[in-house]
Amino acid sequence: MSFLRTAVIALGLVFASPIVVSNNHSHANHPAPAGQDHAAMAPDFAKLDTNGDGQLEKTELPKDHPMAAHFDMMDKDKDGKVSKAEFDAMHSQSSREA
């Protein structure tokens, strides 16, 4: 019984480790489509800021929008909003990685 428990725990750790490692995410893992770079794909901040408060909230991005998956990564200060500075920093980093 002890061997089985140890084996289950070990397998759990092995399968959980890619999840932890995957949090270190960059655009280098998925380059822009052929013929485009990330900077060219960057949408206009003002168009996404539908409530006009100068910050993006998750609710302002359509669920299927490509940036929705990156929202938490862009929100560097973890206040639940992406400022224009955070947005610009992410897109300038993306264009350097592309």
Protein backbone atom coordinates (compact mmCIF):
# COMPACT_ATOMS: atom_id res chain seq x y z
CA MET A 1 0.00 0.00 0.00
CA SER A 2 2.83 2.39 0.81
CA PHE A 3 4.48 1.77 -2.58
CA LEU A 4 1.23 2.47 -4.41
CA ARG A 5 0.68 5.71 -2.49
CA THR A 6 4.24 6.84 -3.21
CA ALA A 7 3.85 6.00 -6.89
CA VAL A 8 0.60 7.96 -7.16
CA ILE A 9 2.16 10.99 -5.48
CA ALA A 10 5.24 10.80 -7.71
CA LEU A 11 3.11 10.59 -10.85
CA GLY A 12 1.03 13.52 -9.64
CA LEU A 13 4.15 15.62 -9.23
CA VAL A 14 5.47 14.63 -12.65
CA PHE A 15 2.21 15.55 -14.37
CA ALA A 16 1.75 18.77 -12.36
CA SER A 17 5.22 20.15 -13.11
CA PRO A 18 4.44 21.21 -16.72
CA ILE A 19 1.55 23.28 -15.40
CA VAL A 20 3.88 25.21 -13.11
CA VAL A 21 6.50 25.62 -15.82
CA SER A 22 3.91 26.78 -18.36
CA ASN A 23 3.20 29.91 -16.31
CA ASN A 24 6.46 31.32 -17.67
CA HIS A 25 4.76 32.35 -20.89
CA SER A 26 6.05 34.49 -23.71
CA HIS A 27 5.02 35.22 -27.25
CA ALA A 28 8.06 33.32 -28.45
CA ASN A 29 6.04 30.16 -27.75
CA HIS A 30 3.54 31.06 -30.44
CA PRO A 31 4.80 33.46 -33.09
CA ALA A 32 2.54 35.70 -35.13
CA PRO A 33 1.03 34.28 -38.31
CA ALA A 34 3.25 34.32 -41.39
CA GLY A 35 3.70 37.78 -42.82
CA GLN A 36 2.68 39.58 -39.62
CA ASP A 37 4.46 40.58 -36.45
CA HIS A 38 2.97 41.03 -33.00
CA ALA A 39 3.28 44.83 -33.17
CA ALA A 40 1.22 44.87 -36.37
CA MET A 41 -1.40 42.69 -34.70
CA ALA A 42 -1.66 44.92 -31.63
CA PRO A 43 -5.14 46.40 -31.56
CA ASP A 44 -5.76 50.02 -30.80
CA PHE A 45 -5.95 50.45 -27.02
CA ALA A 46 -8.66 53.10 -27.30
CA LYS A 47 -10.91 50.76 -29.32
CA LEU A 48 -10.62 48.06 -26.67
CA ASP A 49 -11.19 50.53 -23.81
CA THR A 50 -14.95 50.53 -24.32
CA ASN A 51 -15.78 52.38 -21.09
CA GLY A 52 -13.15 55.05 -21.80
CA ASP A 53 -11.50 54.96 -18.36
CA GLY A 54 -7.98 54.62 -19.77
CA GLN A 55 -7.61 51.03 -18.56
CA LEU A 56 -8.66 47.66 -19.91
CA GLU A 57 -10.66 45.24 -17.84
CA LYS A 58 -11.20 41.60 -18.75
CA THR A 59 -14.86 42.32 -19.37
CA GLU A 60 -13.94 44.79 -22.14
CA LEU A 61 -12.25 42.06 -24.19
CA PRO A 62 -14.40 39.62 -26.13
CA LYS A 63 -13.87 36.12 -24.73
CA ASP A 64 -12.49 34.90 -28.06
CA HIS A 65 -10.14 37.88 -28.48
CA PRO A 66 -6.48 36.75 -28.72
CA MET A 67 -5.47 39.14 -25.93
CA ALA A 68 -7.98 37.65 -23.50
CA ALA A 69 -5.67 34.68 -22.91
CA HIS A 70 -2.83 37.07 -22.09
CA PHE A 71 -4.70 39.48 -19.83
CA ASP A 72 -3.19 38.25 -16.56
CA MET A 73 0.28 38.32 -18.10
CA MET A 74 -0.19 41.93 -19.23
CA ASP A 75 -1.55 43.01 -15.82
CA LYS A 76 1.88 43.40 -14.23
CA ASP A 77 0.69 45.12 -11.04
CA LYS A 78 -2.14 42.58 -10.62
CA ASP A 79 -4.84 45.20 -10.04
CA GLY A 80 -7.28 43.50 -12.40
CA LYS A 81 -6.81 46.17 -15.08
CA VAL A 82 -4.31 46.71 -17.87
CA SER A 83 -3.08 50.28 -18.08
CA LYS A 84 -1.92 51.87 -21.33
CA ALA A 85 1.67 51.55 -20.06
CA GLU A 86 1.23 47.81 -19.35
CA PHE A 87 -0.40 47.35 -22.75
CA ASP A 88 2.40 49.20 -24.54
CA ALA A 89 5.09 47.33 -22.59
CA MET A 90 3.60 43.97 -23.57
CA HIS A 91 3.37 44.89 -27.22
CA SER A 92 6.88 46.33 -27.37
CA GLN A 93 8.17 43.13 -25.71
CA SER A 94 6.20 41.06 -28.22
CA SER A 95 7.69 42.88 -31.18
CA ARG A 96 11.22 42.27 -29.81
CA GLU A 97 10.48 38.52 -29.38
CA ALA A 98 8.89 38.09 -32.80
